[in-house]
């Protein structure tokens, strides 16, 4: 299942560890969160997967991010079930923090998630999916935007044309980088 693959891909991510400090329940909680994400991105955006479903990229189109208040309220019961009541306030704080970082006044495609099965990482699957999404951005003359709290991701995204825009620290937590890639002329 795609949600479980994404949970495995992000189990060591600094944001995942921040929201779910208990290592024993983290992967299970992440799978539940990614089931929600997949529903939102499938309905309102685009989900690209590799043929073997060992990699996935979840994109929201211009105007799709940050989510509206109505969409957040619609997701709240599912988010409470996914995170558990203890982690819910932290998860909502993180989501609000990320939403505050987004580039205001610009139209862009938002890369919410790019995950690869851990045993398949560094095999080119993530790059291939990223290039598929970036091709759409370029065809439409739109930028691409993402956030990452994983320092090891910075060179990967930089190699695909992303530049760090802002760095913001979470309260007693990791630093999050927002990254922007301007459209390229075809």
N, C-alpha and C. Protein backbone atom coordinates (compact mmCIF):
# COMPACT_ATOMS: atom_id res chain seq x y z
N UNK A 1 0.85 -1.18 0.00
CA UNK A 1 0.00 0.00 0.00
C UNK A 1 0.89 1.25 0.00
N UNK A 2 0.50 2.23 -0.76
CA UNK A 2 1.28 3.45 -0.94
C UNK A 2 1.52 4.21 0.36
N UNK A 3 0.51 4.28 1.21
CA UNK A 3 0.66 5.00 2.49
C UNK A 3 1.73 4.34 3.35
N UNK A 4 1.81 3.03 3.34
CA UNK A 4 2.82 2.33 4.14
C UNK A 4 4.22 2.57 3.57
N UNK A 5 4.33 2.60 2.23
CA UNK A 5 5.62 2.89 1.63
C UNK A 5 6.09 4.29 2.03
N UNK A 6 5.18 5.27 1.98
CA UNK A 6 5.55 6.63 2.37
C UNK A 6 5.93 6.69 3.85
N UNK A 7 5.22 5.95 4.68
CA UNK A 7 5.58 5.91 6.11
C UNK A 7 6.98 5.37 6.30
N UNK A 8 7.33 4.32 5.57
CA UNK A 8 8.69 3.78 5.68
C UNK A 8 9.71 4.80 5.18
N UNK A 9 9.37 5.50 4.11
CA UNK A 9 10.29 6.48 3.53
C UNK A 9 10.56 7.64 4.48
N UNK A 10 9.58 8.00 5.30
CA UNK A 10 9.70 9.19 6.15
C UNK A 10 9.85 8.88 7.63
N UNK A 11 10.01 7.62 8.00
CA UNK A 11 10.05 7.26 9.41
C UNK A 11 11.20 7.95 10.16
N UNK A 12 12.29 8.28 9.46
CA UNK A 12 13.43 8.95 10.11
C UNK A 12 13.48 10.44 9.83
N UNK A 13 12.49 10.97 9.13
CA UNK A 13 12.46 12.39 8.79
C UNK A 13 12.36 13.23 10.07
N UNK A 14 13.08 14.34 10.14
CA UNK A 14 13.03 15.18 11.35
C UNK A 14 11.62 15.66 11.71
N UNK A 15 10.79 15.99 10.72
CA UNK A 15 9.43 16.42 11.05
C UNK A 15 8.61 15.27 11.61
N UNK A 16 8.77 14.08 11.05
CA UNK A 16 8.05 12.91 11.56
C UNK A 16 8.45 12.64 13.01
N UNK A 17 9.75 12.71 13.29
CA UNK A 17 10.22 12.48 14.66
C UNK A 17 9.74 13.57 15.61
N UNK A 18 9.60 14.77 15.11
CA UNK A 18 9.12 15.89 15.92
C UNK A 18 7.66 15.70 16.30
N UNK A 19 6.84 15.32 15.33
CA UNK A 19 5.41 15.13 15.59
C UNK A 19 5.15 13.84 16.35
N UNK A 20 5.90 12.79 16.00
CA UNK A 20 5.72 11.47 16.62
C UNK A 20 7.03 11.02 17.27
N UNK A 21 7.33 11.52 18.45
CA UNK A 21 8.61 11.16 19.07
C UNK A 21 8.72 9.69 19.47
N UNK A 22 7.60 9.01 19.65
CA UNK A 22 7.62 7.60 20.01
C UNK A 22 7.93 6.77 18.77
N UNK A 23 9.14 6.22 18.73
CA UNK A 23 9.58 5.45 17.56
C UNK A 23 8.71 4.22 17.31
N UNK A 24 8.12 3.67 18.35
CA UNK A 24 7.35 2.44 18.21
C UNK A 24 6.03 2.66 17.48
N UNK A 25 5.44 3.82 17.62
CA UNK A 25 4.16 4.08 16.96
C UNK A 25 4.31 4.99 15.74
N UNK A 26 5.50 5.52 15.50
CA UNK A 26 5.69 6.51 14.45
C UNK A 26 5.28 5.99 13.07
N UNK A 27 5.75 4.82 12.69
CA UNK A 27 5.46 4.33 11.34
C UNK A 27 3.96 4.09 11.15
N UNK A 28 3.30 3.55 12.17
CA UNK A 28 1.86 3.31 12.10
C UNK A 28 1.10 4.63 11.98
N UNK A 29 1.49 5.61 12.76
CA UNK A 29 0.84 6.93 12.72
C UNK A 29 1.09 7.61 11.36
N UNK A 30 2.32 7.50 10.88
CA UNK A 30 2.63 8.10 9.57
C UNK A 30 1.80 7.47 8.46
N UNK A 31 1.62 6.17 8.48
CA UNK A 31 0.81 5.51 7.46
C UNK A 31 -0.61 6.06 7.47
N UNK A 32 -1.16 6.29 8.66
CA UNK A 32 -2.51 6.85 8.76
C UNK A 32 -2.54 8.28 8.22
N UNK A 33 -1.52 9.06 8.52
CA UNK A 33 -1.45 10.44 8.00
C UNK A 33 -1.33 10.42 6.48
N UNK A 34 -0.49 9.54 5.95
CA UNK A 34 -0.33 9.49 4.49
C UNK A 34 -1.57 8.98 3.77
N UNK A 35 -2.39 8.17 4.43
CA UNK A 35 -3.68 7.80 3.82
C UNK A 35 -4.53 9.05 3.62
N UNK A 36 -4.52 9.93 4.62
CA UNK A 36 -5.25 11.20 4.50
C UNK A 36 -4.66 12.06 3.38
N UNK A 37 -3.35 12.20 3.38
CA UNK A 37 -2.68 13.00 2.35
C UNK A 37 -3.01 12.48 0.95
N UNK A 38 -2.96 11.16 0.79
CA UNK A 38 -3.24 10.59 -0.52
C UNK A 38 -4.66 10.90 -0.96
N UNK A 39 -5.59 10.89 -0.03
CA UNK A 39 -6.97 11.25 -0.36
C UNK A 39 -7.06 12.71 -0.82
N UNK A 40 -6.42 13.61 -0.08
CA UNK A 40 -6.46 15.04 -0.42
C UNK A 40 -5.77 15.30 -1.76
N UNK A 41 -4.58 14.76 -1.93
CA UNK A 41 -3.83 15.02 -3.15
C UNK A 41 -4.47 14.34 -4.36
N UNK A 42 -5.09 13.19 -4.17
CA UNK A 42 -5.78 12.52 -5.28
C UNK A 42 -7.00 13.32 -5.71
N UNK A 43 -7.69 13.90 -4.75
CA UNK A 43 -8.91 14.67 -5.04
C UNK A 43 -8.59 16.06 -5.60
N UNK A 44 -7.59 16.71 -5.01
CA UNK A 44 -7.34 18.12 -5.34
C UNK A 44 -6.08 18.35 -6.15
N UNK A 45 -5.27 17.34 -6.32
CA UNK A 45 -3.99 17.53 -7.00
C UNK A 45 -3.65 16.36 -7.89
N UNK A 46 -2.38 15.97 -7.82
CA UNK A 46 -1.85 14.90 -8.67
C UNK A 46 -0.98 13.99 -7.82
N UNK A 47 -1.14 12.69 -8.01
CA UNK A 47 -0.28 11.70 -7.37
C UNK A 47 0.41 10.92 -8.48
N UNK A 48 1.72 11.09 -8.57
CA UNK A 48 2.52 10.31 -9.52
C UNK A 48 3.18 9.17 -8.76
N UNK A 49 3.18 7.98 -9.34
CA UNK A 49 3.86 6.86 -8.72
C UNK A 49 4.74 6.18 -9.75
N UNK A 50 5.77 5.51 -9.25
CA UNK A 50 6.58 4.66 -10.13
C UNK A 50 5.74 3.43 -10.47
N UNK A 51 6.11 2.74 -11.54
CA UNK A 51 5.36 1.56 -11.96
C UNK A 51 5.22 0.51 -10.88
N UNK A 52 6.25 0.36 -10.06
CA UNK A 52 6.22 -0.63 -9.00
C UNK A 52 5.65 -0.07 -7.69
N UNK A 53 5.26 1.19 -7.72
CA UNK A 53 4.69 1.90 -6.56
C UNK A 53 5.68 1.96 -5.39
N UNK A 54 6.97 1.96 -5.72
CA UNK A 54 8.02 2.12 -4.71
C UNK A 54 8.42 3.57 -4.55
N UNK A 55 7.74 4.46 -5.26
CA UNK A 55 8.01 5.90 -5.13
C UNK A 55 6.73 6.64 -5.47
N UNK A 56 6.55 7.79 -4.82
CA UNK A 56 5.37 8.60 -5.08
C UNK A 56 5.72 10.08 -4.90
N UNK A 57 5.09 10.89 -5.75
CA UNK A 57 5.20 12.35 -5.64
C UNK A 57 3.78 12.90 -5.59
N UNK A 58 3.50 13.70 -4.57
CA UNK A 58 2.17 14.27 -4.38
C UNK A 58 2.25 15.78 -4.59
N UNK A 59 1.50 16.26 -5.58
CA UNK A 59 1.52 17.67 -5.97
C UNK A 59 0.13 18.29 -5.81
N UNK A 60 0.11 19.55 -5.40
CA UNK A 60 -1.11 20.35 -5.44
C UNK A 60 -0.92 21.45 -6.47
N UNK A 61 -1.96 21.75 -7.25
CA UNK A 61 -1.84 22.76 -8.29
C UNK A 61 -1.86 24.18 -7.72
N UNK A 62 -1.61 25.16 -8.56
CA UNK A 62 -1.67 26.55 -8.11
C UNK A 62 -3.00 26.83 -7.40
N UNK A 63 -2.90 27.48 -6.26
CA UNK A 63 -4.08 27.79 -5.47
C UNK A 63 -4.51 26.67 -4.54
N UNK A 64 -3.90 25.51 -4.66
CA UNK A 64 -4.27 24.36 -3.83
C UNK A 64 -3.56 24.31 -2.49
N UNK A 65 -2.56 25.16 -2.32
CA UNK A 65 -1.79 25.18 -1.09
C UNK A 65 -1.54 26.61 -0.68
N UNK A 66 -1.69 26.95 0.59
CA UNK A 66 -2.11 26.06 1.65
C UNK A 66 -3.60 25.71 1.53
N UNK A 67 -4.00 24.65 2.21
CA UNK A 67 -5.39 24.23 2.17
C UNK A 67 -6.27 25.30 2.80
N UNK A 68 -7.49 25.35 2.35
CA UNK A 68 -8.44 26.32 2.89
C UNK A 68 -8.85 25.91 4.31
N UNK A 69 -9.43 26.85 5.03
CA UNK A 69 -9.92 26.56 6.37
C UNK A 69 -10.98 25.47 6.31
N UNK A 70 -11.85 25.52 5.32
CA UNK A 70 -12.90 24.49 5.17
C UNK A 70 -12.27 23.11 4.98
N UNK A 71 -11.23 23.02 4.15
CA UNK A 71 -10.57 21.75 3.93
C UNK A 71 -9.90 21.25 5.21
N UNK A 72 -9.27 22.16 5.95
CA UNK A 72 -8.65 21.76 7.23
C UNK A 72 -9.70 21.24 8.20
N UNK A 73 -10.83 21.92 8.28
CA UNK A 73 -11.89 21.48 9.19
C UNK A 73 -12.45 20.12 8.76
N UNK A 74 -12.56 19.91 7.46
CA UNK A 74 -13.05 18.64 6.94
C UNK A 74 -12.07 17.50 7.30
N UNK A 75 -10.78 17.81 7.32
CA UNK A 75 -9.75 16.80 7.60
C UNK A 75 -9.50 16.59 9.10
N UNK A 76 -9.95 17.51 9.93
CA UNK A 76 -9.62 17.47 11.36
C UNK A 76 -9.98 16.14 12.04
N UNK A 77 -11.19 15.60 11.86
CA UNK A 77 -11.46 14.32 12.53
C UNK A 77 -10.51 13.21 12.07
N UNK A 78 -10.25 13.13 10.79
CA UNK A 78 -9.32 12.12 10.29
C UNK A 78 -7.91 12.34 10.80
N UNK A 79 -7.50 13.60 10.88
CA UNK A 79 -6.17 13.92 11.39
C UNK A 79 -6.06 13.54 12.87
N UNK A 80 -7.12 13.79 13.63
CA UNK A 80 -7.11 13.42 15.05
C UNK A 80 -6.98 11.90 15.20
N UNK A 81 -7.68 11.16 14.35
CA UNK A 81 -7.58 9.69 14.41
C UNK A 81 -6.18 9.24 13.98
N UNK A 82 -5.63 9.86 12.96
CA UNK A 82 -4.32 9.46 12.44
C UNK A 82 -3.19 9.76 13.42
N UNK A 83 -3.20 10.95 13.98
CA UNK A 83 -2.10 11.36 14.84
C UNK A 83 -2.27 10.91 16.27
N UNK A 84 -3.52 10.75 16.70
CA UNK A 84 -3.81 10.54 18.11
C UNK A 84 -3.93 11.91 18.77
N UNK A 85 -4.66 11.96 19.85
CA UNK A 85 -4.93 13.25 20.48
C UNK A 85 -3.69 13.90 21.07
N UNK A 86 -2.71 13.11 21.47
CA UNK A 86 -1.49 13.69 22.05
C UNK A 86 -0.68 14.43 20.99
N UNK A 87 -0.54 13.85 19.80
CA UNK A 87 0.28 14.46 18.76
C UNK A 87 -0.49 15.48 17.91
N UNK A 88 -1.82 15.51 18.02
CA UNK A 88 -2.60 16.41 17.17
C UNK A 88 -2.19 17.88 17.30
N UNK A 89 -2.04 18.42 18.51
CA UNK A 89 -1.63 19.84 18.59
C UNK A 89 -0.28 20.10 17.92
N UNK A 90 0.66 19.17 18.04
CA UNK A 90 1.97 19.35 17.42
C UNK A 90 1.83 19.28 15.90
N UNK A 91 1.04 18.33 15.41
CA UNK A 91 0.82 18.20 13.97
C UNK A 91 0.17 19.47 13.40
N UNK A 92 -0.82 20.01 14.10
CA UNK A 92 -1.48 21.23 13.63
C UNK A 92 -0.53 22.42 13.67
N UNK A 93 0.32 22.48 14.69
CA UNK A 93 1.32 23.54 14.77
C UNK A 93 2.27 23.46 13.57
N UNK A 94 2.74 22.25 13.25
CA UNK A 94 3.64 22.08 12.11
C UNK A 94 2.96 22.47 10.81
N UNK A 95 1.73 22.01 10.60
CA UNK A 95 1.01 22.36 9.37
C UNK A 95 0.82 23.87 9.24
N UNK A 96 0.50 24.53 10.35
CA UNK A 96 0.34 25.98 10.32
C UNK A 96 1.67 26.67 10.03
N UNK A 97 2.73 26.18 10.64
CA UNK A 97 4.07 26.74 10.42
C UNK A 97 4.46 26.64 8.94
N UNK A 98 4.23 25.46 8.35
CA UNK A 98 4.55 25.27 6.94
C UNK A 98 3.71 26.18 6.05
N UNK A 99 2.44 26.31 6.38
CA UNK A 99 1.56 27.18 5.58
C UNK A 99 2.03 28.63 5.63
N UNK A 100 2.57 29.06 6.78
CA UNK A 100 3.06 30.43 6.92
C UNK A 100 4.32 30.66 6.08
N UNK A 101 5.03 29.60 5.74
CA UNK A 101 6.27 29.73 4.99
C UNK A 101 6.04 29.86 3.48
N UNK A 102 4.86 29.51 3.01
CA UNK A 102 4.67 29.44 1.55
C UNK A 102 4.79 30.82 0.91
N UNK A 103 5.20 30.85 -0.35
CA UNK A 103 5.40 32.14 -1.04
C UNK A 103 4.07 32.80 -1.37
N UNK A 104 3.77 33.84 -0.66
CA UNK A 104 2.51 34.56 -0.87
C UNK A 104 2.55 35.34 -2.17
N UNK A 105 1.41 35.42 -2.81
CA UNK A 105 1.29 36.24 -4.01
C UNK A 105 1.88 35.62 -5.26
N UNK A 106 2.25 34.35 -5.22
CA UNK A 106 2.81 33.68 -6.40
C UNK A 106 1.99 32.44 -6.72
N UNK A 107 1.91 32.13 -7.99
CA UNK A 107 1.26 30.89 -8.42
C UNK A 107 2.34 29.83 -8.60
N UNK A 108 2.09 28.65 -8.06
CA UNK A 108 3.10 27.60 -8.11
C UNK A 108 2.43 26.24 -7.91
N UNK A 109 3.15 25.20 -8.33
CA UNK A 109 2.80 23.83 -7.99
C UNK A 109 3.51 23.51 -6.69
N UNK A 110 2.80 22.87 -5.77
CA UNK A 110 3.36 22.53 -4.46
C UNK A 110 3.66 21.03 -4.40
N UNK A 111 4.92 20.71 -4.19
CA UNK A 111 5.34 19.33 -3.99
C UNK A 111 5.22 19.04 -2.49
N UNK A 112 4.12 18.43 -2.10
CA UNK A 112 3.87 18.15 -0.69
C UNK A 112 4.65 16.96 -0.18
N UNK A 113 4.83 15.94 -1.02
CA UNK A 113 5.51 14.72 -0.60
C UNK A 113 6.23 14.13 -1.80
N UNK A 114 7.47 13.74 -1.59
CA UNK A 114 8.22 12.93 -2.55
C UNK A 114 8.90 11.86 -1.71
N UNK A 115 8.41 10.62 -1.84
CA UNK A 115 8.95 9.54 -1.03
C UNK A 115 9.30 8.33 -1.86
N UNK A 116 10.36 7.66 -1.43
CA UNK A 116 10.84 6.46 -2.11
C UNK A 116 11.08 5.38 -1.06
N UNK A 117 10.67 4.17 -1.40
CA UNK A 117 10.92 3.02 -0.52
C UNK A 117 12.39 3.05 -0.12
N UNK A 118 12.71 2.92 1.18
CA UNK A 118 14.10 3.04 1.62
C UNK A 118 15.09 2.17 0.85
N UNK A 119 14.72 0.95 0.52
CA UNK A 119 15.65 0.07 -0.21
C UNK A 119 15.87 0.51 -1.66
N UNK A 120 15.02 1.41 -2.14
CA UNK A 120 15.11 1.90 -3.53
C UNK A 120 15.66 3.33 -3.63
N UNK A 121 15.94 3.94 -2.49
CA UNK A 121 16.45 5.31 -2.51
C UNK A 121 17.79 5.37 -3.21
N UNK A 122 18.02 6.46 -3.88
CA UNK A 122 19.24 6.71 -4.67
C UNK A 122 19.30 5.83 -5.92
N UNK A 123 18.15 5.36 -6.37
CA UNK A 123 18.10 4.53 -7.58
C UNK A 123 17.58 5.31 -8.78
N UNK A 124 17.19 6.56 -8.58
CA UNK A 124 16.66 7.38 -9.67
C UNK A 124 15.15 7.48 -9.71
N UNK A 125 14.44 6.70 -8.87
CA UNK A 125 12.98 6.75 -8.87
C UNK A 125 12.47 8.13 -8.48
N UNK A 126 13.02 8.69 -7.42
CA UNK A 126 12.58 10.02 -6.96
C UNK A 126 12.87 11.08 -7.99
N UNK A 127 14.05 11.04 -8.60
CA UNK A 127 14.40 12.01 -9.64
C UNK A 127 13.45 11.92 -10.82
N UNK A 128 13.11 10.70 -11.22
CA UNK A 128 12.21 10.52 -12.36
C UNK A 128 10.84 11.12 -12.07
N UNK A 129 10.31 10.86 -10.88
CA UNK A 129 9.00 11.42 -10.54
C UNK A 129 9.06 12.93 -10.40
N UNK A 130 10.14 13.43 -9.82
CA UNK A 130 10.29 14.88 -9.68
C UNK A 130 10.34 15.54 -11.05
N UNK A 131 11.08 14.95 -11.98
CA UNK A 131 11.17 15.51 -13.33
C UNK A 131 9.82 15.53 -14.03
N UNK A 132 9.00 14.52 -13.80
CA UNK A 132 7.66 14.49 -14.38
C UNK A 132 6.85 15.69 -13.91
N UNK A 133 6.87 15.95 -12.62
CA UNK A 133 6.15 17.10 -12.08
C UNK A 133 6.73 18.43 -12.53
N UNK A 134 8.04 18.52 -12.58
CA UNK A 134 8.69 19.78 -12.98
C UNK A 134 8.43 20.08 -14.46
N UNK A 135 8.28 19.03 -15.27
CA UNK A 135 7.95 19.23 -16.69
C UNK A 135 6.59 19.95 -16.81
N UNK A 136 5.63 19.56 -15.97
CA UNK A 136 4.32 20.21 -15.96
C UNK A 136 4.49 21.68 -15.55
N UNK A 137 5.28 21.92 -14.52
CA UNK A 137 5.53 23.31 -14.09
C UNK A 137 6.08 24.13 -15.25
N UNK A 138 7.07 23.59 -15.94
CA UNK A 138 7.71 24.31 -17.04
C UNK A 138 6.74 24.53 -18.19
N UNK A 139 5.94 23.52 -18.51
CA UNK A 139 4.97 23.68 -19.60
C UNK A 139 3.95 24.77 -19.29
N UNK A 140 3.61 24.92 -18.02
CA UNK A 140 2.64 25.92 -17.61
C UNK A 140 3.28 27.26 -17.23
N UNK A 141 4.62 27.31 -17.26
CA UNK A 141 5.32 28.54 -16.89
C UNK A 141 5.16 28.89 -15.42
N UNK A 142 5.10 27.86 -14.56
CA UNK A 142 4.89 28.07 -13.13
C UNK A 142 6.07 27.54 -12.33
N UNK A 143 6.30 28.16 -11.18
CA UNK A 143 7.32 27.70 -10.27
C UNK A 143 6.87 26.47 -9.51
N UNK A 144 7.82 25.86 -8.82
CA UNK A 144 7.55 24.72 -7.95
C UNK A 144 8.05 25.08 -6.55
N UNK A 145 7.32 24.62 -5.55
CA UNK A 145 7.64 24.97 -4.17
C UNK A 145 7.55 23.72 -3.30
N UNK A 146 8.41 23.65 -2.28
CA UNK A 146 8.37 22.56 -1.31
C UNK A 146 9.01 23.03 -0.02
N UNK A 147 8.81 22.22 1.02
CA UNK A 147 9.54 22.41 2.28
C UNK A 147 10.20 21.09 2.63
N UNK A 148 11.34 21.19 3.30
CA UNK A 148 12.01 19.99 3.81
C UNK A 148 12.72 20.33 5.12
N UNK A 149 12.69 19.38 6.03
CA UNK A 149 13.43 19.52 7.28
C UNK A 149 14.63 18.58 7.31
N UNK A 150 14.81 17.86 6.22
CA UNK A 150 15.91 16.89 6.13
C UNK A 150 17.09 17.54 5.40
N UNK A 151 18.16 17.89 6.12
CA UNK A 151 19.31 18.55 5.48
C UNK A 151 19.87 17.76 4.30
N UNK A 152 19.81 16.43 4.36
CA UNK A 152 20.35 15.61 3.27
C UNK A 152 19.56 15.78 1.97
N UNK A 153 18.35 16.33 2.04
CA UNK A 153 17.54 16.55 0.84
C UNK A 153 17.97 17.79 0.05
N UNK A 154 18.64 18.70 0.69
CA UNK A 154 18.98 19.97 0.05
C UNK A 154 19.81 19.79 -1.23
N UNK A 155 20.87 18.99 -1.24
CA UNK A 155 21.62 18.81 -2.50
C UNK A 155 20.78 18.15 -3.59
N UNK A 156 19.91 17.21 -3.22
CA UNK A 156 19.05 16.54 -4.20
C UNK A 156 18.15 17.57 -4.89
N UNK A 157 17.45 18.36 -4.10
CA UNK A 157 16.55 19.35 -4.69
C UNK A 157 17.31 20.45 -5.42
N UNK A 158 18.45 20.84 -4.89
CA UNK A 158 19.28 21.85 -5.57
C UNK A 158 19.70 21.36 -6.95
N UNK A 159 20.02 20.09 -7.08
CA UNK A 159 20.41 19.52 -8.37
C UNK A 159 19.28 19.58 -9.39
N UNK A 160 18.05 19.73 -8.90
CA UNK A 160 16.88 19.82 -9.78
C UNK A 160 16.40 21.27 -9.93
N UNK A 161 17.24 22.22 -9.52
CA UNK A 161 16.94 23.62 -9.75
C UNK A 161 16.27 24.36 -8.62
N UNK A 162 16.07 23.72 -7.47
CA UNK A 162 15.45 24.39 -6.32
C UNK A 162 16.51 25.17 -5.55
N UNK A 163 16.08 26.30 -5.00
CA UNK A 163 16.94 27.13 -4.15
C UNK A 163 16.24 27.34 -2.82
N UNK A 164 17.02 27.34 -1.74
CA UNK A 164 16.46 27.63 -0.42
C UNK A 164 16.00 29.08 -0.40
N UNK A 165 14.74 29.26 0.04
CA UNK A 165 14.18 30.61 0.16
C UNK A 165 14.24 31.10 1.60
N UNK A 166 13.75 30.29 2.51
CA UNK A 166 13.75 30.65 3.93
C UNK A 166 14.11 29.42 4.75
N UNK A 167 14.63 29.68 5.93
CA UNK A 167 14.90 28.63 6.91
C UNK A 167 14.22 29.08 8.19
N UNK A 168 13.39 28.20 8.74
CA UNK A 168 12.61 28.56 9.91
C UNK A 168 12.64 27.41 10.91
N UNK A 169 12.93 27.73 12.14
CA UNK A 169 12.98 26.69 13.17
C UNK A 169 11.65 26.49 13.85
N UNK A 170 11.30 25.24 14.07
CA UNK A 170 10.13 24.92 14.85
C UNK A 170 10.46 25.02 16.33
N UNK A 171 9.51 25.36 17.14
CA UNK A 171 9.70 25.49 18.58
C UNK A 171 10.27 24.18 19.14
N UNK A 172 11.48 24.23 19.67
CA UNK A 172 12.17 23.04 20.21
C UNK A 172 12.24 21.91 19.20
N UNK A 173 12.37 22.26 17.93
CA UNK A 173 12.38 21.22 16.90
C UNK A 173 13.32 21.52 15.76
N UNK A 174 13.15 20.81 14.67
CA UNK A 174 14.06 20.95 13.53
C UNK A 174 13.86 22.25 12.77
N UNK A 175 14.83 22.56 11.96
CA UNK A 175 14.75 23.70 11.05
C UNK A 175 14.12 23.20 9.75
N UNK A 176 13.26 24.03 9.19
CA UNK A 176 12.58 23.68 7.95
C UNK A 176 13.03 24.67 6.88
N UNK A 177 13.40 24.15 5.73
CA UNK A 177 13.79 24.99 4.59
C UNK A 177 12.65 25.01 3.59
N UNK A 178 12.29 26.21 3.15
CA UNK A 178 11.38 26.30 2.02
C UNK A 178 12.25 26.46 0.77
N UNK A 179 11.83 25.80 -0.31
CA UNK A 179 12.63 25.79 -1.53
C UNK A 179 11.75 26.14 -2.72
N UNK A 180 12.32 26.88 -3.65
CA UNK A 180 11.62 27.38 -4.82
C UNK A 180 12.41 27.04 -6.07
N UNK A 181 11.69 26.63 -7.10
CA UNK A 181 12.30 26.41 -8.41
C UNK A 181 11.50 27.22 -9.42
N UNK A 182 12.15 28.19 -10.07
CA UNK A 182 11.42 28.95 -11.08
C UNK A 182 11.20 28.08 -12.32
N UNK A 183 10.20 28.42 -13.11
CA UNK A 183 9.98 27.63 -14.34
C UNK A 183 11.12 27.80 -15.31
N UNK A 184 11.36 26.77 -16.07
CA UNK A 184 12.37 26.84 -17.11
C UNK A 184 11.68 26.92 -18.46
N UNK A 185 12.30 27.67 -19.35
CA UNK A 185 11.74 27.80 -20.69
C UNK A 185 11.98 26.48 -21.45
N UNK A 186 10.96 26.03 -22.13
CA UNK A 186 11.09 24.78 -22.90
C UNK A 186 11.63 25.04 -24.28
